[in-house]
Every structure is written in structure tokens, then in C-alpha cells.
Amino acid sequence: GKALYQVEKHHTHYDPSLVQRAVHVVRDPFDNIVSRFHLEQNVHKKKNDEEWLTKYPSTPKGFQGWCKAMDDKVHEEEKESRFFDDSLLDMFEGVPCHSEFYRYTQWHSLALSATNKMKIPALILHYERFEDDFDNMYEELFSFLELPRDGQMTEFVTGKKYQDYFGTEQRRKAMALVEELSDSEMWQILQRYNIYSKKASRADLPL
């Protein structure tokens, strides 16, 4: 995928009154980014692009290679961008797919900013709760949406976790970058994934 600042933008306006409340789902950034890699693989599989698939196989090594190609692609643009100072560029070093972590944090920050600006109620749900706390999450979601429970819920198929796709130091640096890119409200939501920081404790572990 393209880095956020490379995407062609189309401005569309909707009547804000159409949106009465929002559900904001947040997933572990590491699992989220590896999933984006797999989506990219699916695109190339449909094209029968064996050269790309051989170069970036569905393995930790293939993922790290894809990240390097993604980061190399935007390296010069980042150096020339007025949005990135030297300290932030330094933080990019040692973070595979740093452009994807930037995009991840930016997307969630903008979503949070939008609901705050619109002054509508928003429910923050962490993806992991679908697996670990489904019944309570289910009740909380329907209560928030003010919808009746009707029929049986489809069984939730849990997503994969990719612990071996990033090294411990890479994870520590990635979450330091995410914290730098987040305001206090956003970091309050994301800091549960900061389990590799030297300051993290067991209380920080995702439920």
C-alpha cells in the first residue's frame, strides 16, 4: 500500500446529522500491519504475480523484506517533508514498516478527532475483546447502539497473532514512535500494546 501522504485525496461532504454515534475498533498495531501485508499478498496472488510472491513470502523474513521495500520507497520523500523533523526521522530508524505505523496512528487519531469534533458518543472497542471477552463486549455494543438482541450471533473467528514477525527491540521502538505520534487521549487508548517498553508492567498487558 501507499504511505498516507502519497494517497490521492478526494474531498466528499456528508450531512453530519446522518451520524448519531460511532464504534471505533482498535487492533494491536503489529497484528494490524502484518494483516495489511497479507492483504497485499492476496492482491498479487490474484494477479498471479509469482515474482512478487517469491520475493515476499508469507514468513517473518518475507514480511521484513516487504517492510524494507515500503520504507525505502518513501525515504527521500520523508527527508524532504516539512512534516517530519530530524528527531522524528531518527525515531523511524529500526522500525520495520515505520510508514505503516505512521498511517495506523494517523488514522486512529483522525477518527478520534472526528467524533470529538462532531460531539457524538463513541464506543472504543479493542479487537482482542472479541476473542477474550465476547459476551460482555456483545452486550456493551448492542446497549451502546440501543439495538435489541435478535437471533444468534455468528461465531467470531479470531484473527492470527504474529509474535515472531517483529523482534522485541523493533516492537519497543515502534511503540515509542506510536506514542510520539499520539496525543494524550490517543495514547491512553493505544498504550495497552506497549508491553515491551522498559516502563511497562503486567498491568499494561492486553486483556
N, C-alpha and C. Protein backbone atom coordinates (compact mmCIF):
# COMPACT_ATOMS: atom_id res chain seq x y z
N GLY A 1 0.82 -1.20 0.00
CA GLY A 1 0.00 0.00 0.00
C GLY A 1 0.86 1.25 0.00
N LYS A 2 0.25 2.38 -0.30
CA LYS A 2 0.97 3.64 -0.32
C LYS A 2 0.98 4.25 1.07
N ALA A 3 2.03 5.01 1.35
CA ALA A 3 2.06 5.75 2.60
C ALA A 3 0.95 6.78 2.59
N LEU A 4 0.54 7.20 3.78
CA LEU A 4 -0.62 8.08 3.90
C LEU A 4 -0.47 9.34 3.07
N TYR A 5 0.75 9.92 3.07
CA TYR A 5 0.94 11.19 2.40
C TYR A 5 1.11 11.02 0.90
N GLN A 6 1.05 9.78 0.35
CA GLN A 6 1.12 9.56 -1.08
C GLN A 6 -0.27 9.34 -1.69
N VAL A 7 -1.25 9.08 -0.86
CA VAL A 7 -2.58 8.74 -1.35
C VAL A 7 -3.25 9.95 -2.00
N GLU A 8 -3.84 9.75 -3.15
CA GLU A 8 -4.59 10.82 -3.80
C GLU A 8 -5.86 11.08 -3.01
N LYS A 9 -6.14 12.32 -2.72
CA LYS A 9 -7.27 12.66 -1.86
C LYS A 9 -8.45 13.17 -2.69
N HIS A 10 -9.64 12.74 -2.30
CA HIS A 10 -10.88 13.21 -2.90
C HIS A 10 -11.76 13.74 -1.77
N HIS A 11 -12.14 14.98 -1.84
CA HIS A 11 -12.94 15.58 -0.78
C HIS A 11 -14.43 15.34 -1.04
N THR A 12 -15.07 14.72 -0.07
CA THR A 12 -16.50 14.42 -0.15
C THR A 12 -17.18 14.92 1.12
N HIS A 13 -18.34 15.49 0.99
CA HIS A 13 -19.04 16.02 2.14
C HIS A 13 -20.35 15.25 2.38
N TYR A 14 -20.56 14.89 3.64
CA TYR A 14 -21.80 14.22 4.04
C TYR A 14 -22.51 15.09 5.07
N ASP A 15 -23.79 14.91 5.17
CA ASP A 15 -24.56 15.61 6.19
C ASP A 15 -24.18 15.01 7.55
N PRO A 16 -23.57 15.79 8.45
CA PRO A 16 -23.14 15.25 9.75
C PRO A 16 -24.27 14.64 10.57
N SER A 17 -25.50 15.10 10.32
CA SER A 17 -26.62 14.59 11.10
C SER A 17 -26.92 13.12 10.79
N LEU A 18 -26.34 12.60 9.70
CA LEU A 18 -26.53 11.18 9.37
C LEU A 18 -25.84 10.28 10.37
N VAL A 19 -24.83 10.80 11.06
CA VAL A 19 -24.06 10.01 12.01
C VAL A 19 -24.47 10.40 13.43
N GLN A 20 -25.03 9.44 14.16
CA GLN A 20 -25.51 9.71 15.51
C GLN A 20 -24.56 9.20 16.59
N ARG A 21 -23.83 8.14 16.28
CA ARG A 21 -22.85 7.58 17.21
C ARG A 21 -21.85 6.75 16.43
N ALA A 22 -20.73 6.43 17.05
CA ALA A 22 -19.67 5.73 16.33
C ALA A 22 -19.09 4.60 17.17
N VAL A 23 -18.71 3.54 16.50
CA VAL A 23 -17.98 2.43 17.13
C VAL A 23 -16.57 2.44 16.53
N HIS A 24 -15.60 2.62 17.37
CA HIS A 24 -14.20 2.75 16.96
C HIS A 24 -13.45 1.48 17.41
N VAL A 25 -13.08 0.63 16.46
CA VAL A 25 -12.41 -0.63 16.77
C VAL A 25 -10.90 -0.46 16.59
N VAL A 26 -10.16 -0.87 17.60
CA VAL A 26 -8.70 -0.74 17.60
C VAL A 26 -8.08 -2.13 17.73
N ARG A 27 -7.13 -2.44 16.85
CA ARG A 27 -6.43 -3.72 16.91
C ARG A 27 -4.95 -3.48 17.22
N ASP A 28 -4.32 -4.46 17.82
CA ASP A 28 -2.89 -4.43 18.05
C ASP A 28 -2.19 -3.96 16.77
N PRO A 29 -1.40 -2.88 16.84
CA PRO A 29 -0.80 -2.34 15.61
C PRO A 29 0.10 -3.33 14.88
N PHE A 30 0.77 -4.20 15.61
CA PHE A 30 1.67 -5.16 14.98
C PHE A 30 0.88 -6.19 14.17
N ASP A 31 -0.17 -6.73 14.77
CA ASP A 31 -1.02 -7.69 14.04
C ASP A 31 -1.73 -6.99 12.88
N ASN A 32 -2.12 -5.75 13.09
CA ASN A 32 -2.81 -4.99 12.05
C ASN A 32 -1.92 -4.81 10.82
N ILE A 33 -0.66 -4.47 11.05
CA ILE A 33 0.25 -4.20 9.93
C ILE A 33 0.63 -5.49 9.22
N VAL A 34 0.83 -6.58 9.95
CA VAL A 34 1.10 -7.86 9.29
C VAL A 34 -0.12 -8.28 8.46
N SER A 35 -1.31 -8.01 8.94
CA SER A 35 -2.53 -8.33 8.19
C SER A 35 -2.58 -7.53 6.89
N ARG A 36 -2.11 -6.29 6.93
CA ARG A 36 -2.05 -5.47 5.71
C ARG A 36 -1.07 -6.08 4.71
N PHE A 37 0.01 -6.63 5.20
CA PHE A 37 0.97 -7.34 4.35
C PHE A 37 0.28 -8.53 3.66
N HIS A 38 -0.51 -9.27 4.42
CA HIS A 38 -1.20 -10.43 3.85
C HIS A 38 -2.27 -10.00 2.84
N LEU A 39 -2.90 -8.87 3.07
CA LEU A 39 -3.85 -8.35 2.08
C LEU A 39 -3.13 -8.00 0.79
N GLU A 40 -1.94 -7.42 0.93
CA GLU A 40 -1.13 -7.10 -0.24
C GLU A 40 -0.74 -8.38 -0.99
N GLN A 41 -0.45 -9.43 -0.23
CA GLN A 41 -0.14 -10.72 -0.85
C GLN A 41 -1.33 -11.23 -1.66
N ASN A 42 -2.51 -11.09 -1.11
CA ASN A 42 -3.72 -11.57 -1.81
C ASN A 42 -3.91 -10.85 -3.14
N VAL A 43 -3.59 -9.55 -3.17
CA VAL A 43 -3.68 -8.80 -4.41
C VAL A 43 -2.76 -9.40 -5.46
N HIS A 44 -1.54 -9.73 -5.06
CA HIS A 44 -0.57 -10.27 -6.01
C HIS A 44 -0.89 -11.72 -6.38
N LYS A 45 -1.54 -12.45 -5.48
CA LYS A 45 -1.97 -13.81 -5.81
C LYS A 45 -3.02 -13.78 -6.91
N LYS A 46 -3.94 -12.83 -6.83
CA LYS A 46 -4.98 -12.71 -7.86
C LYS A 46 -4.38 -12.33 -9.21
N LYS A 47 -3.24 -11.64 -9.17
CA LYS A 47 -2.57 -11.25 -10.41
C LYS A 47 -1.60 -12.32 -10.90
N ASN A 48 -1.50 -13.42 -10.12
CA ASN A 48 -0.52 -14.48 -10.43
C ASN A 48 0.89 -13.91 -10.52
N ASP A 49 1.19 -13.00 -9.65
CA ASP A 49 2.49 -12.33 -9.65
C ASP A 49 3.48 -13.17 -8.83
N GLU A 50 3.98 -14.21 -9.45
CA GLU A 50 4.86 -15.14 -8.75
C GLU A 50 6.18 -14.48 -8.35
N GLU A 51 6.66 -13.53 -9.14
CA GLU A 51 7.91 -12.85 -8.80
C GLU A 51 7.79 -12.11 -7.48
N TRP A 52 6.69 -11.37 -7.30
CA TRP A 52 6.47 -10.63 -6.06
C TRP A 52 6.30 -11.60 -4.89
N LEU A 53 5.50 -12.65 -5.10
CA LEU A 53 5.22 -13.61 -4.03
C LEU A 53 6.47 -14.38 -3.61
N THR A 54 7.35 -14.63 -4.55
CA THR A 54 8.61 -15.29 -4.22
C THR A 54 9.52 -14.36 -3.44
N LYS A 55 9.49 -13.09 -3.81
CA LYS A 55 10.33 -12.09 -3.14
C LYS A 55 9.85 -11.81 -1.73
N TYR A 56 8.53 -11.82 -1.53
CA TYR A 56 7.94 -11.51 -0.22
C TYR A 56 7.01 -12.64 0.22
N PRO A 57 7.57 -13.78 0.63
CA PRO A 57 6.74 -14.91 1.05
C PRO A 57 6.05 -14.63 2.39
N SER A 58 5.07 -15.43 2.72
CA SER A 58 4.29 -15.25 3.96
C SER A 58 5.06 -15.81 5.15
N THR A 59 6.17 -15.18 5.46
CA THR A 59 7.04 -15.57 6.56
C THR A 59 7.55 -14.30 7.23
N PRO A 60 8.08 -14.41 8.45
CA PRO A 60 8.66 -13.22 9.07
C PRO A 60 9.73 -12.55 8.20
N LYS A 61 10.57 -13.35 7.54
CA LYS A 61 11.60 -12.79 6.67
C LYS A 61 10.99 -12.09 5.47
N GLY A 62 9.95 -12.69 4.89
CA GLY A 62 9.27 -12.06 3.77
C GLY A 62 8.61 -10.75 4.18
N PHE A 63 8.04 -10.75 5.36
CA PHE A 63 7.40 -9.53 5.88
C PHE A 63 8.43 -8.43 6.10
N GLN A 64 9.55 -8.78 6.71
CA GLN A 64 10.59 -7.78 6.97
C GLN A 64 11.13 -7.21 5.66
N GLY A 65 11.23 -8.07 4.64
CA GLY A 65 11.67 -7.59 3.33
C GLY A 65 10.69 -6.63 2.71
N TRP A 66 9.41 -6.92 2.86
CA TRP A 66 8.35 -6.03 2.35
C TRP A 66 8.40 -4.69 3.07
N CYS A 67 8.60 -4.74 4.38
CA CYS A 67 8.69 -3.50 5.16
C CYS A 67 9.85 -2.64 4.68
N LYS A 68 10.99 -3.27 4.45
CA LYS A 68 12.15 -2.52 3.99
C LYS A 68 11.87 -1.85 2.65
N ALA A 69 11.21 -2.59 1.75
CA ALA A 69 10.88 -2.02 0.45
C ALA A 69 9.92 -0.85 0.60
N MET A 70 8.95 -0.98 1.50
CA MET A 70 7.99 0.10 1.75
C MET A 70 8.69 1.33 2.30
N ASP A 71 9.58 1.12 3.26
CA ASP A 71 10.27 2.24 3.90
C ASP A 71 11.27 2.89 2.95
N ASP A 72 11.97 2.07 2.16
CA ASP A 72 12.92 2.63 1.19
C ASP A 72 12.19 3.49 0.15
N LYS A 73 10.98 3.11 -0.18
CA LYS A 73 10.21 3.80 -1.21
C LYS A 73 9.90 5.24 -0.83
N VAL A 74 9.73 5.48 0.47
CA VAL A 74 9.33 6.83 0.91
C VAL A 74 10.47 7.56 1.63
N HIS A 75 11.66 6.97 1.65
CA HIS A 75 12.76 7.53 2.44
C HIS A 75 13.09 8.97 2.01
N GLU A 76 13.31 9.18 0.73
CA GLU A 76 13.68 10.51 0.26
C GLU A 76 12.55 11.51 0.47
N GLU A 77 11.33 11.07 0.25
CA GLU A 77 10.18 11.96 0.43
C GLU A 77 10.06 12.39 1.89
N GLU A 78 10.31 11.47 2.81
CA GLU A 78 10.25 11.79 4.23
C GLU A 78 11.32 12.82 4.61
N LYS A 79 12.52 12.65 4.08
CA LYS A 79 13.62 13.57 4.40
C LYS A 79 13.31 14.99 3.95
N GLU A 80 12.56 15.12 2.87
CA GLU A 80 12.25 16.43 2.31
C GLU A 80 10.94 17.01 2.85
N SER A 81 10.18 16.21 3.58
CA SER A 81 8.86 16.64 4.05
C SER A 81 8.99 17.64 5.19
N ARG A 82 8.16 18.66 5.17
CA ARG A 82 8.15 19.65 6.25
C ARG A 82 7.43 19.12 7.49
N PHE A 83 6.78 17.96 7.36
CA PHE A 83 6.04 17.38 8.48
C PHE A 83 6.92 16.55 9.40
N PHE A 84 8.12 16.18 8.93
CA PHE A 84 8.98 15.30 9.71
C PHE A 84 10.28 16.03 10.07
N ASP A 85 10.48 16.29 11.35
CA ASP A 85 11.73 16.91 11.77
C ASP A 85 12.79 15.82 12.00
N ASP A 86 14.00 16.24 12.31
CA ASP A 86 15.10 15.28 12.44
C ASP A 86 14.87 14.28 13.57
N SER A 87 14.26 14.72 14.66
CA SER A 87 14.03 13.80 15.78
C SER A 87 13.05 12.70 15.41
N LEU A 88 12.02 13.05 14.61
CA LEU A 88 11.07 12.04 14.19
C LEU A 88 11.71 11.09 13.17
N LEU A 89 12.50 11.63 12.26
CA LEU A 89 13.20 10.79 11.29
C LEU A 89 14.12 9.81 12.00
N ASP A 90 14.74 10.25 13.08
CA ASP A 90 15.60 9.36 13.87
C ASP A 90 14.77 8.23 14.49
N MET A 91 13.54 8.54 14.89
CA MET A 91 12.69 7.52 15.50
C MET A 91 12.22 6.50 14.49
N PHE A 92 12.20 6.85 13.21
CA PHE A 92 11.84 5.89 12.17
C PHE A 92 12.87 4.77 12.06
N GLU A 93 14.12 5.07 12.40
CA GLU A 93 15.19 4.09 12.26
C GLU A 93 14.95 2.90 13.18
N GLY A 94 15.10 1.71 12.63
CA GLY A 94 14.94 0.50 13.42
C GLY A 94 13.50 0.06 13.59
N VAL A 95 12.56 0.73 12.91
CA VAL A 95 11.14 0.35 12.98
C VAL A 95 10.71 -0.17 11.61
N PRO A 96 10.61 -1.48 11.43
CA PRO A 96 10.14 -2.00 10.15
C PRO A 96 8.73 -1.50 9.85
N CYS A 97 8.50 -1.09 8.62
CA CYS A 97 7.19 -0.56 8.22
C CYS A 97 6.83 0.70 9.02
N HIS A 98 7.82 1.56 9.26
CA HIS A 98 7.51 2.75 10.05
C HIS A 98 6.44 3.60 9.37
N SER A 99 6.40 3.58 8.02
CA SER A 99 5.36 4.35 7.33
C SER A 99 3.97 3.79 7.62
N GLU A 100 3.89 2.47 7.86
CA GLU A 100 2.60 1.87 8.21
C GLU A 100 2.20 2.21 9.64
N PHE A 101 3.16 2.29 10.55
CA PHE A 101 2.85 2.72 11.92
C PHE A 101 2.39 4.18 11.92
N TYR A 102 2.99 4.98 11.07
CA TYR A 102 2.55 6.37 10.93
C TYR A 102 1.10 6.41 10.45
N ARG A 103 0.82 5.62 9.43
CA ARG A 103 -0.54 5.59 8.88
C ARG A 103 -1.53 5.08 9.92
N TYR A 104 -1.18 4.03 10.63
CA TYR A 104 -2.04 3.45 11.67
C TYR A 104 -2.40 4.51 12.73
N THR A 105 -1.38 5.18 13.24
CA THR A 105 -1.61 6.16 14.30
C THR A 105 -2.40 7.36 13.78
N GLN A 106 -2.08 7.78 12.58
CA GLN A 106 -2.78 8.91 11.97
C GLN A 106 -4.26 8.59 11.77
N TRP A 107 -4.53 7.40 11.28
CA TRP A 107 -5.93 7.02 11.02
C TRP A 107 -6.75 7.04 12.30
N HIS A 108 -6.24 6.40 13.35
CA HIS A 108 -6.99 6.34 14.60
C HIS A 108 -7.10 7.73 15.24
N SER A 109 -6.07 8.52 15.11
CA SER A 109 -6.11 9.89 15.67
C SER A 109 -7.17 10.73 14.96
N LEU A 110 -7.23 10.61 13.65
CA LEU A 110 -8.23 11.37 12.88
C LEU A 110 -9.64 10.89 13.17
N ALA A 111 -9.80 9.57 13.34
CA ALA A 111 -11.13 9.04 13.68
C ALA A 111 -11.58 9.56 15.04
N LEU A 112 -10.67 9.57 16.00
CA LEU A 112 -10.99 10.09 17.33
C LEU A 112 -11.29 11.58 17.27
N SER A 113 -10.51 12.31 16.50
CA SER A 113 -10.72 13.74 16.36
C SER A 113 -12.07 14.04 15.73
N ALA A 114 -12.46 13.22 14.75
CA ALA A 114 -13.73 13.44 14.06
C ALA A 114 -14.92 13.28 15.00
N THR A 115 -14.91 12.22 15.81
CA THR A 115 -16.04 12.01 16.73
C THR A 115 -16.07 13.09 17.80
N ASN A 116 -14.90 13.55 18.23
CA ASN A 116 -14.86 14.64 19.22
C ASN A 116 -15.41 15.92 18.61
N LYS A 117 -15.02 16.21 17.38
CA LYS A 117 -15.46 17.43 16.72
C LYS A 117 -16.97 17.40 16.46
N MET A 118 -17.48 16.22 16.12
CA MET A 118 -18.91 16.08 15.85
C MET A 118 -19.74 16.01 17.12
N LYS A 119 -19.05 15.82 18.25
CA LYS A 119 -19.70 15.75 19.56
C LYS A 119 -20.75 14.63 19.59
N ILE A 120 -20.34 13.47 19.09
CA ILE A 120 -21.23 12.30 19.13
C ILE A 120 -20.61 11.26 20.04
N PRO A 121 -21.44 10.43 20.69
CA PRO A 121 -20.88 9.38 21.54
C PRO A 121 -20.13 8.35 20.70
N ALA A 122 -19.01 7.90 21.25
CA ALA A 122 -18.19 6.91 20.55
C ALA A 122 -17.79 5.80 21.52
N LEU A 123 -17.91 4.58 21.07
CA LEU A 123 -17.52 3.43 21.87
C LEU A 123 -16.20 2.89 21.33
N ILE A 124 -15.18 2.85 22.19
CA ILE A 124 -13.87 2.32 21.80
C ILE A 124 -13.85 0.83 22.14
N LEU A 125 -13.67 0.00 21.13
CA LEU A 125 -13.58 -1.44 21.34
C LEU A 125 -12.22 -1.94 20.87
N HIS A 126 -11.55 -2.67 21.73
CA HIS A 126 -10.30 -3.30 21.33
C HIS A 126 -10.59 -4.66 20.72
N TYR A 127 -10.01 -4.89 19.57
CA TYR A 127 -10.26 -6.12 18.79
C TYR A 127 -10.10 -7.38 19.64
N GLU A 128 -9.15 -7.36 20.54
CA GLU A 128 -8.86 -8.54 21.35
C GLU A 128 -10.03 -8.95 22.22
N ARG A 129 -10.92 -8.02 22.52
CA ARG A 129 -12.08 -8.35 23.35
C ARG A 129 -13.04 -9.28 22.62
N PHE A 130 -13.06 -9.24 21.30
CA PHE A 130 -13.92 -10.14 20.55
C PHE A 130 -13.53 -11.59 20.84
N GLU A 131 -12.26 -11.79 21.13
CA GLU A 131 -11.76 -13.14 21.43
C GLU A 131 -11.84 -13.47 22.91
N ASP A 132 -11.47 -12.49 23.77
CA ASP A 132 -11.30 -12.77 25.19
C ASP A 132 -12.50 -12.43 26.06
N ASP A 133 -13.37 -11.55 25.57
CA ASP A 133 -14.48 -11.07 26.41
C ASP A 133 -15.71 -10.87 25.54
N PHE A 134 -16.00 -11.84 24.70
CA PHE A 134 -17.01 -11.65 23.66
C PHE A 134 -18.39 -11.35 24.22
N ASP A 135 -18.83 -12.11 25.20
CA ASP A 135 -20.21 -11.94 25.71
C ASP A 135 -20.42 -10.55 26.28
N ASN A 136 -19.49 -10.07 27.09
CA ASN A 136 -19.63 -8.73 27.67
C ASN A 136 -19.51 -7.65 26.60
N MET A 137 -18.59 -7.87 25.67
CA MET A 137 -18.44 -6.91 24.57
C MET A 137 -19.71 -6.84 23.74
N TYR A 138 -20.30 -7.99 23.48
CA TYR A 138 -21.55 -8.10 22.71
C TYR A 138 -22.66 -7.29 23.39
N GLU A 139 -22.81 -7.46 24.70
CA GLU A 139 -23.84 -6.73 25.44
C GLU A 139 -23.56 -5.23 25.43
N GLU A 140 -22.31 -4.87 25.62
CA GLU A 140 -21.91 -3.46 25.64
C GLU A 140 -22.17 -2.80 24.30
N LEU A 141 -21.86 -3.50 23.21
CA LEU A 141 -22.03 -2.95 21.87
C LEU A 141 -23.50 -2.71 21.56
N PHE A 142 -24.34 -3.70 21.81
CA PHE A 142 -25.76 -3.54 21.49
C PHE A 142 -26.43 -2.52 22.40
N SER A 143 -25.98 -2.45 23.64
CA SER A 143 -26.52 -1.43 24.54
C SER A 143 -26.16 -0.04 24.05
N PHE A 144 -24.91 0.13 23.62
CA PHE A 144 -24.45 1.42 23.12
C PHE A 144 -25.23 1.83 21.87
N LEU A 145 -25.48 0.87 20.98
CA LEU A 145 -26.20 1.16 19.74
C LEU A 145 -27.71 1.25 19.94
N GLU A 146 -28.16 0.92 21.16
CA GLU A 146 -29.58 0.94 21.50
C GLU A 146 -30.37 0.05 20.55
N LEU A 147 -29.82 -1.14 20.33
CA LEU A 147 -30.45 -2.12 19.45
C LEU A 147 -30.82 -3.36 20.25
N PRO A 148 -31.93 -4.00 19.89
CA PRO A 148 -32.31 -5.23 20.59
C PRO A 148 -31.47 -6.41 20.11
N ARG A 149 -31.28 -7.38 20.97
CA ARG A 149 -30.63 -8.62 20.55
C ARG A 149 -31.66 -9.45 19.81
N ASP A 150 -31.35 -9.80 18.58
CA ASP A 150 -32.31 -10.53 17.75
C ASP A 150 -31.60 -11.69 17.07
N GLY A 151 -31.94 -12.90 17.47
CA GLY A 151 -31.32 -14.07 16.87
C GLY A 151 -29.97 -14.39 17.49
N GLN A 152 -29.25 -15.29 16.85
CA GLN A 152 -27.96 -15.75 17.34
C GLN A 152 -26.82 -15.02 16.63
N MET A 153 -25.79 -14.70 17.42
CA MET A 153 -24.62 -14.09 16.83
C MET A 153 -23.80 -15.13 16.08
N THR A 154 -23.27 -14.74 14.94
CA THR A 154 -22.37 -15.62 14.20
C THR A 154 -21.09 -15.82 15.02
N GLU A 155 -20.59 -17.03 15.03
CA GLU A 155 -19.38 -17.32 15.79
C GLU A 155 -18.22 -16.46 15.29
N PHE A 156 -17.52 -15.86 16.24
CA PHE A 156 -16.40 -15.00 15.87
C PHE A 156 -15.16 -15.84 15.61
N VAL A 157 -14.55 -15.63 14.44
CA VAL A 157 -13.32 -16.33 14.09
C VAL A 157 -12.15 -15.40 14.42
N THR A 158 -11.33 -15.81 15.36
CA THR A 158 -10.27 -14.93 15.83
C THR A 158 -9.19 -14.74 14.77
N GLY A 159 -8.62 -13.55 14.76
CA GLY A 159 -7.51 -13.27 13.86
C GLY A 159 -6.23 -13.88 14.40
N LYS A 160 -5.24 -13.98 13.54
CA LYS A 160 -3.97 -14.55 13.95
C LYS A 160 -3.12 -13.51 14.67
N LYS A 161 -2.21 -14.01 15.49
CA LYS A 161 -1.23 -13.15 16.14
C LYS A 161 0.14 -13.46 15.55
N TYR A 162 0.96 -12.45 15.42
CA TYR A 162 2.21 -12.59 14.69
C TYR A 162 3.39 -12.18 15.57
N GLN A 163 3.58 -12.91 16.65
CA GLN A 163 4.62 -12.56 17.60
C GLN A 163 6.02 -12.62 17.01
N ASP A 164 6.24 -13.51 16.05
CA ASP A 164 7.59 -13.71 15.52
C ASP A 164 7.90 -12.83 14.32
N TYR A 165 6.99 -11.93 13.95
CA TYR A 165 7.23 -11.08 12.78
C TYR A 165 8.02 -9.82 13.13
N PHE A 166 8.09 -9.49 14.43
CA PHE A 166 8.87 -8.35 14.91
C PHE A 166 9.76 -8.81 16.06
N GLY A 167 10.97 -8.27 16.13
CA GLY A 167 11.82 -8.51 17.28
C GLY A 167 11.40 -7.63 18.45
N THR A 168 11.86 -7.99 19.65
CA THR A 168 11.48 -7.23 20.85
C THR A 168 11.92 -5.77 20.75
N GLU A 169 13.14 -5.52 20.30
CA GLU A 169 13.63 -4.15 20.19
C GLU A 169 12.86 -3.38 19.11
N GLN A 170 12.50 -4.06 18.03
CA GLN A 170 11.69 -3.43 16.99
C GLN A 170 10.34 -3.02 17.54
N ARG A 171 9.75 -3.87 18.36
CA ARG A 171 8.46 -3.55 18.97
C ARG A 171 8.58 -2.37 19.93
N ARG A 172 9.64 -2.36 20.71
CA ARG A 172 9.83 -1.25 21.66
C ARG A 172 9.94 0.08 20.91
N LYS A 173 10.76 0.08 19.85
CA LYS A 173 10.94 1.31 19.08
C LYS A 173 9.65 1.71 18.35
N ALA A 174 8.92 0.73 17.87
CA ALA A 174 7.67 1.02 17.16
C ALA A 174 6.66 1.69 18.08
N MET A 175 6.53 1.18 19.31
CA MET A 175 5.57 1.77 20.23
C MET A 175 6.04 3.13 20.74
N ALA A 176 7.35 3.34 20.80
CA ALA A 176 7.85 4.68 21.14
C ALA A 176 7.47 5.66 20.04
N LEU A 177 7.51 5.21 18.79
CA LEU A 177 7.10 6.04 17.67
C LEU A 177 5.60 6.33 17.72
N VAL A 178 4.81 5.31 18.00
CA VAL A 178 3.36 5.50 18.10
C VAL A 178 3.02 6.49 19.21
N GLU A 179 3.72 6.39 20.34
CA GLU A 179 3.47 7.32 21.44
C GLU A 179 3.81 8.75 21.03
N GLU A 180 4.92 8.91 20.31
CA GLU A 180 5.34 10.23 19.85
C GLU A 180 4.31 10.84 18.91
N LEU A 181 3.67 10.01 18.10
CA LEU A 181 2.70 10.49 17.11
C LEU A 181 1.30 10.70 17.69
N SER A 182 1.09 10.23 18.92
CA SER A 182 -0.24 10.29 19.55
C SER A 182 -0.35 11.46 20.51
N ASP A 183 -1.56 12.02 20.62
CA ASP A 183 -1.80 12.95 21.71
C ASP A 183 -2.17 12.12 22.94
N SER A 184 -2.41 12.78 24.07
CA SER A 184 -2.63 12.05 25.33
C SER A 184 -3.88 11.16 25.27
N GLU A 185 -4.92 11.64 24.60
CA GLU A 185 -6.15 10.85 24.51
C GLU A 185 -5.95 9.60 23.66
N MET A 186 -5.23 9.77 22.54
CA MET A 186 -4.98 8.62 21.67
C MET A 186 -4.07 7.62 22.34
N TRP A 187 -3.05 8.10 23.03
CA TRP A 187 -2.12 7.19 23.68
C TRP A 187 -2.79 6.42 24.80
N GLN A 188 -3.75 7.01 25.46
CA GLN A 188 -4.49 6.30 26.50
C GLN A 188 -5.16 5.06 25.93
N ILE A 189 -5.57 5.13 24.69
CA ILE A 189 -6.23 4.00 24.02
C ILE A 189 -5.22 2.97 23.53
N LEU A 190 -4.05 3.43 23.09
CA LEU A 190 -3.08 2.55 22.45
C LEU A 190 -2.00 2.00 23.38
N GLN A 191 -1.83 2.59 24.56
CA GLN A 191 -0.70 2.21 25.39
C GLN A 191 -0.79 0.79 25.91
N ARG A 192 -1.94 0.15 25.86
CA ARG A 192 -2.08 -1.24 26.29
C ARG A 192 -1.19 -2.17 25.46
N TYR A 193 -0.82 -1.72 24.26
CA TYR A 193 0.04 -2.54 23.39
C TYR A 193 1.52 -2.27 23.63
N ASN A 194 1.84 -1.41 24.57
CA ASN A 194 3.23 -1.03 24.84
C ASN A 194 3.85 -1.95 25.88
N ILE A 195 3.76 -3.24 25.67
CA ILE A 195 4.19 -4.20 26.68
C ILE A 195 5.69 -4.47 26.62
N TYR A 196 6.38 -3.90 25.63
CA TYR A 196 7.83 -4.14 25.50
C TYR A 196 8.65 -2.96 25.99
N SER A 197 7.98 -1.91 26.44
CA SER A 197 8.71 -0.77 26.99
C SER A 197 9.32 -1.15 28.32
N LYS A 198 10.46 -0.55 28.64
CA LYS A 198 11.09 -0.80 29.93
C LYS A 198 10.21 -0.31 31.07
N LYS A 199 9.31 0.63 30.75
CA LYS A 199 8.42 1.18 31.79
C LYS A 199 7.15 0.36 31.93
N ALA A 200 6.92 -0.60 31.01
CA ALA A 200 5.68 -1.35 31.04
C ALA A 200 5.68 -2.34 32.19
N SER A 201 4.50 -2.62 32.69
CA SER A 201 4.33 -3.62 33.74
C SER A 201 3.27 -4.60 33.30
N ARG A 202 2.99 -5.59 34.11
CA ARG A 202 1.99 -6.59 33.76
C ARG A 202 0.61 -5.94 33.62
N ALA A 203 0.42 -4.82 34.30
CA ALA A 203 -0.87 -4.12 34.20
C ALA A 203 -1.10 -3.59 32.81
N ASP A 204 -0.03 -3.46 32.01
CA ASP A 204 -0.15 -2.94 30.67
C ASP A 204 -0.52 -4.01 29.65
N LEU A 205 -0.48 -5.29 30.07
CA LEU A 205 -0.74 -6.36 29.13
C LEU A 205 -2.18 -6.30 28.64
N PRO A 206 -2.42 -6.53 27.34
CA PRO A 206 -3.78 -6.53 26.81
C PRO A 206 -4.63 -7.58 27.50
N LEU A 207 -5.87 -7.22 27.83
CA LEU A 207 -6.78 -8.15 28.48
C LEU A 207 -7.23 -9.22 27.50
